[in-house]
Amino acid sequence: MTIPADIVQSHFGKHFKIEAMNVADRPEYLVTLNPTRKQIRESLTLLELWINRDTLLLDAMQMHFVGGETKKMEFSQIAMNPP
């Protein structure tokens, strides 16, 4: 199941500039979210989501904070919930 782009844009587009790209040497898509809302920009400068090309599930998330600090979370052994 994929979430339609218009739903993502209408929900997150109010607070982020969203870009999706195909990175040739990686098995994931990269979706970047640049905060546009002042309250978010005060602490977060960039959010990167790495989406698995085959499953469309989140493989990793990296947050870039004001001041240069980053936090990366990687997900493994992901299993979808059965319907």
N, C-alpha and C. Protein backbone atom coordinates (compact mmCIF):
# COMPACT_ATOMS: atom_id res chain seq x y z
N MET A 1 0.84 -1.17 0.00
CA MET A 1 0.00 0.00 0.00
C MET A 1 0.88 1.24 0.00
N THR A 2 0.58 2.18 -0.84
CA THR A 2 1.31 3.43 -0.86
C THR A 2 0.37 4.57 -0.50
N ILE A 3 0.92 5.58 0.10
CA ILE A 3 0.13 6.75 0.46
C ILE A 3 0.16 7.71 -0.72
N PRO A 4 -0.99 8.14 -1.21
CA PRO A 4 -1.01 9.07 -2.34
C PRO A 4 -0.24 10.36 -2.04
N ALA A 5 0.50 10.82 -3.05
CA ALA A 5 1.34 12.01 -2.87
C ALA A 5 0.54 13.23 -2.44
N ASP A 6 -0.71 13.36 -2.91
CA ASP A 6 -1.49 14.54 -2.54
C ASP A 6 -1.83 14.55 -1.05
N ILE A 7 -2.00 13.36 -0.46
CA ILE A 7 -2.27 13.29 0.98
C ILE A 7 -1.02 13.67 1.77
N VAL A 8 0.12 13.16 1.35
CA VAL A 8 1.38 13.50 2.01
C VAL A 8 1.62 15.00 1.92
N GLN A 9 1.44 15.55 0.73
CA GLN A 9 1.68 16.98 0.54
C GLN A 9 0.70 17.83 1.35
N SER A 10 -0.56 17.44 1.39
CA SER A 10 -1.53 18.26 2.11
C SER A 10 -1.29 18.22 3.62
N HIS A 11 -0.79 17.11 4.13
CA HIS A 11 -0.55 17.00 5.57
C HIS A 11 0.81 17.60 5.97
N PHE A 12 1.87 17.12 5.32
CA PHE A 12 3.21 17.55 5.70
C PHE A 12 3.66 18.81 4.97
N GLY A 13 3.06 19.09 3.80
CA GLY A 13 3.46 20.24 3.00
C GLY A 13 3.21 21.57 3.67
N LYS A 14 2.37 21.58 4.68
CA LYS A 14 2.12 22.81 5.44
C LYS A 14 3.32 23.22 6.28
N HIS A 15 4.15 22.24 6.63
CA HIS A 15 5.25 22.48 7.56
C HIS A 15 6.62 22.17 6.99
N PHE A 16 6.66 21.52 5.81
CA PHE A 16 7.93 21.10 5.23
C PHE A 16 7.93 21.31 3.71
N LYS A 17 9.10 21.59 3.16
CA LYS A 17 9.31 21.50 1.72
C LYS A 17 9.79 20.06 1.48
N ILE A 18 9.05 19.31 0.67
CA ILE A 18 9.32 17.89 0.50
C ILE A 18 9.90 17.63 -0.88
N GLU A 19 11.00 16.88 -0.91
CA GLU A 19 11.61 16.46 -2.16
C GLU A 19 11.90 14.97 -2.09
N ALA A 20 11.61 14.28 -3.18
CA ALA A 20 11.92 12.84 -3.28
C ALA A 20 12.89 12.65 -4.42
N MET A 21 13.88 11.78 -4.20
CA MET A 21 14.85 11.53 -5.25
C MET A 21 15.25 10.07 -5.30
N ASN A 22 15.68 9.70 -6.47
CA ASN A 22 16.15 8.35 -6.74
C ASN A 22 17.67 8.39 -6.68
N VAL A 23 18.28 7.74 -5.69
CA VAL A 23 19.73 7.74 -5.54
C VAL A 23 20.25 6.47 -6.19
N ALA A 24 21.02 6.62 -7.26
CA ALA A 24 21.41 5.50 -8.11
C ALA A 24 22.18 4.39 -7.38
N ASP A 25 23.05 4.74 -6.46
CA ASP A 25 23.90 3.72 -5.84
C ASP A 25 23.35 3.18 -4.52
N ARG A 26 22.08 3.45 -4.23
CA ARG A 26 21.48 2.97 -2.98
C ARG A 26 20.20 2.20 -3.28
N PRO A 27 19.86 1.23 -2.41
CA PRO A 27 18.64 0.45 -2.61
C PRO A 27 17.38 1.14 -2.08
N GLU A 28 17.50 2.43 -1.73
CA GLU A 28 16.36 3.16 -1.19
C GLU A 28 16.11 4.43 -1.99
N TYR A 29 14.89 4.95 -1.83
CA TYR A 29 14.58 6.30 -2.28
C TYR A 29 14.92 7.23 -1.12
N LEU A 30 15.30 8.45 -1.43
CA LEU A 30 15.56 9.45 -0.41
C LEU A 30 14.47 10.51 -0.47
N VAL A 31 13.82 10.73 0.66
CA VAL A 31 12.83 11.80 0.78
C VAL A 31 13.37 12.78 1.81
N THR A 32 13.51 14.05 1.38
CA THR A 32 14.00 15.06 2.30
C THR A 32 12.86 16.00 2.67
N LEU A 33 12.83 16.35 3.93
CA LEU A 33 11.83 17.29 4.44
C LEU A 33 12.57 18.47 5.07
N ASN A 34 12.45 19.63 4.45
CA ASN A 34 13.05 20.86 4.97
C ASN A 34 11.97 21.66 5.66
N PRO A 35 12.13 21.92 6.96
CA PRO A 35 11.08 22.62 7.69
C PRO A 35 10.85 24.04 7.18
N THR A 36 9.58 24.40 7.05
CA THR A 36 9.22 25.76 6.68
C THR A 36 8.55 26.48 7.86
N ARG A 37 8.07 25.72 8.81
CA ARG A 37 7.42 26.30 9.98
C ARG A 37 8.48 26.75 10.99
N LYS A 38 8.34 27.97 11.49
CA LYS A 38 9.33 28.57 12.38
C LYS A 38 9.63 27.70 13.61
N GLN A 39 8.59 27.19 14.25
CA GLN A 39 8.79 26.40 15.47
C GLN A 39 9.60 25.14 15.20
N ILE A 40 9.46 24.55 14.05
CA ILE A 40 10.23 23.35 13.71
C ILE A 40 11.67 23.74 13.36
N ARG A 41 11.83 24.82 12.58
CA ARG A 41 13.17 25.28 12.16
C ARG A 41 14.05 25.69 13.33
N GLU A 42 13.45 26.02 14.47
CA GLU A 42 14.24 26.42 15.63
C GLU A 42 15.09 25.28 16.17
N SER A 43 14.72 24.03 15.86
CA SER A 43 15.52 22.90 16.35
C SER A 43 15.96 21.94 15.24
N LEU A 44 15.16 21.81 14.18
CA LEU A 44 15.44 20.84 13.13
C LEU A 44 15.73 21.56 11.82
N THR A 45 16.87 21.22 11.18
CA THR A 45 17.20 21.86 9.90
C THR A 45 16.84 20.98 8.70
N LEU A 46 16.84 19.66 8.88
CA LEU A 46 16.56 18.75 7.78
C LEU A 46 16.18 17.38 8.33
N LEU A 47 15.23 16.74 7.68
CA LEU A 47 14.85 15.36 8.01
C LEU A 47 14.98 14.54 6.74
N GLU A 48 15.76 13.46 6.79
CA GLU A 48 15.94 12.57 5.64
C GLU A 48 15.29 11.23 5.94
N LEU A 49 14.48 10.76 5.01
CA LEU A 49 13.84 9.45 5.12
C LEU A 49 14.34 8.58 3.99
N TRP A 50 14.84 7.39 4.33
CA TRP A 50 15.32 6.44 3.33
C TRP A 50 14.26 5.33 3.23
N ILE A 51 13.59 5.27 2.07
CA ILE A 51 12.48 4.36 1.85
C ILE A 51 12.93 3.19 0.97
N ASN A 52 12.74 1.97 1.45
CA ASN A 52 13.11 0.77 0.70
C ASN A 52 12.35 0.73 -0.62
N ARG A 53 13.06 0.54 -1.72
CA ARG A 53 12.44 0.53 -3.06
C ARG A 53 11.47 -0.63 -3.25
N ASP A 54 11.76 -1.77 -2.66
CA ASP A 54 10.92 -2.96 -2.88
C ASP A 54 9.69 -2.97 -1.98
N THR A 55 9.87 -2.65 -0.71
CA THR A 55 8.76 -2.75 0.26
C THR A 55 8.06 -1.42 0.52
N LEU A 56 8.74 -0.32 0.16
CA LEU A 56 8.27 1.04 0.46
C LEU A 56 8.13 1.30 1.95
N LEU A 57 8.90 0.55 2.75
CA LEU A 57 8.95 0.76 4.20
C LEU A 57 10.18 1.59 4.54
N LEU A 58 10.14 2.24 5.68
CA LEU A 58 11.23 3.09 6.13
C LEU A 58 12.43 2.25 6.57
N ASP A 59 13.59 2.46 5.90
CA ASP A 59 14.83 1.77 6.27
C ASP A 59 15.65 2.59 7.27
N ALA A 60 15.62 3.92 7.11
CA ALA A 60 16.42 4.78 7.99
C ALA A 60 15.83 6.18 8.00
N MET A 61 16.16 6.89 9.06
CA MET A 61 15.73 8.27 9.22
C MET A 61 16.89 9.03 9.85
N GLN A 62 17.25 10.16 9.27
CA GLN A 62 18.32 10.97 9.83
C GLN A 62 17.80 12.38 10.05
N MET A 63 18.01 12.88 11.26
CA MET A 63 17.58 14.22 11.64
C MET A 63 18.82 15.10 11.79
N HIS A 64 18.77 16.28 11.18
CA HIS A 64 19.85 17.26 11.29
C HIS A 64 19.33 18.41 12.14
N PHE A 65 20.05 18.72 13.21
CA PHE A 65 19.59 19.72 14.16
C PHE A 65 20.38 21.02 14.03
N VAL A 66 19.77 22.09 14.50
CA VAL A 66 20.46 23.38 14.57
C VAL A 66 21.71 23.18 15.42
N GLY A 67 22.82 23.70 14.98
CA GLY A 67 24.07 23.53 15.70
C GLY A 67 24.93 22.43 15.10
N GLY A 68 24.40 21.68 14.12
CA GLY A 68 25.21 20.67 13.42
C GLY A 68 25.09 19.24 13.90
N GLU A 69 24.42 19.01 15.01
CA GLU A 69 24.26 17.65 15.52
C GLU A 69 23.31 16.85 14.62
N THR A 70 23.58 15.54 14.48
CA THR A 70 22.68 14.67 13.71
C THR A 70 22.33 13.44 14.54
N LYS A 71 21.21 12.85 14.22
CA LYS A 71 20.76 11.60 14.85
C LYS A 71 20.22 10.73 13.74
N LYS A 72 20.76 9.50 13.64
CA LYS A 72 20.32 8.57 12.61
C LYS A 72 19.76 7.32 13.26
N MET A 73 18.59 6.91 12.76
CA MET A 73 17.97 5.66 13.21
C MET A 73 17.85 4.74 12.00
N GLU A 74 18.34 3.53 12.14
CA GLU A 74 18.22 2.54 11.07
C GLU A 74 17.33 1.41 11.55
N PHE A 75 16.49 0.92 10.65
CA PHE A 75 15.52 -0.11 10.99
C PHE A 75 15.85 -1.39 10.23
N SER A 76 15.81 -2.52 10.93
CA SER A 76 16.11 -3.80 10.29
C SER A 76 15.09 -4.85 10.78
N GLN A 77 15.02 -5.93 10.08
CA GLN A 77 14.10 -7.01 10.39
C GLN A 77 12.68 -6.47 10.51
N ILE A 78 12.31 -5.66 9.56
CA ILE A 78 10.98 -5.04 9.54
C ILE A 78 9.98 -6.02 8.98
N ALA A 79 8.87 -6.20 9.66
CA ALA A 79 7.79 -7.06 9.18
C ALA A 79 6.50 -6.25 9.18
N MET A 80 5.80 -6.30 8.06
CA MET A 80 4.53 -5.60 7.98
C MET A 80 3.47 -6.34 8.77
N ASN A 81 2.57 -5.61 9.35
CA ASN A 81 1.45 -6.23 10.06
C ASN A 81 0.52 -6.87 9.04
N PRO A 82 0.05 -8.07 9.32
CA PRO A 82 -0.92 -8.68 8.39
C PRO A 82 -2.24 -7.92 8.43
N PRO A 83 -2.96 -7.93 7.30
CA PRO A 83 -4.25 -7.21 7.28
C PRO A 83 -5.27 -7.77 8.25
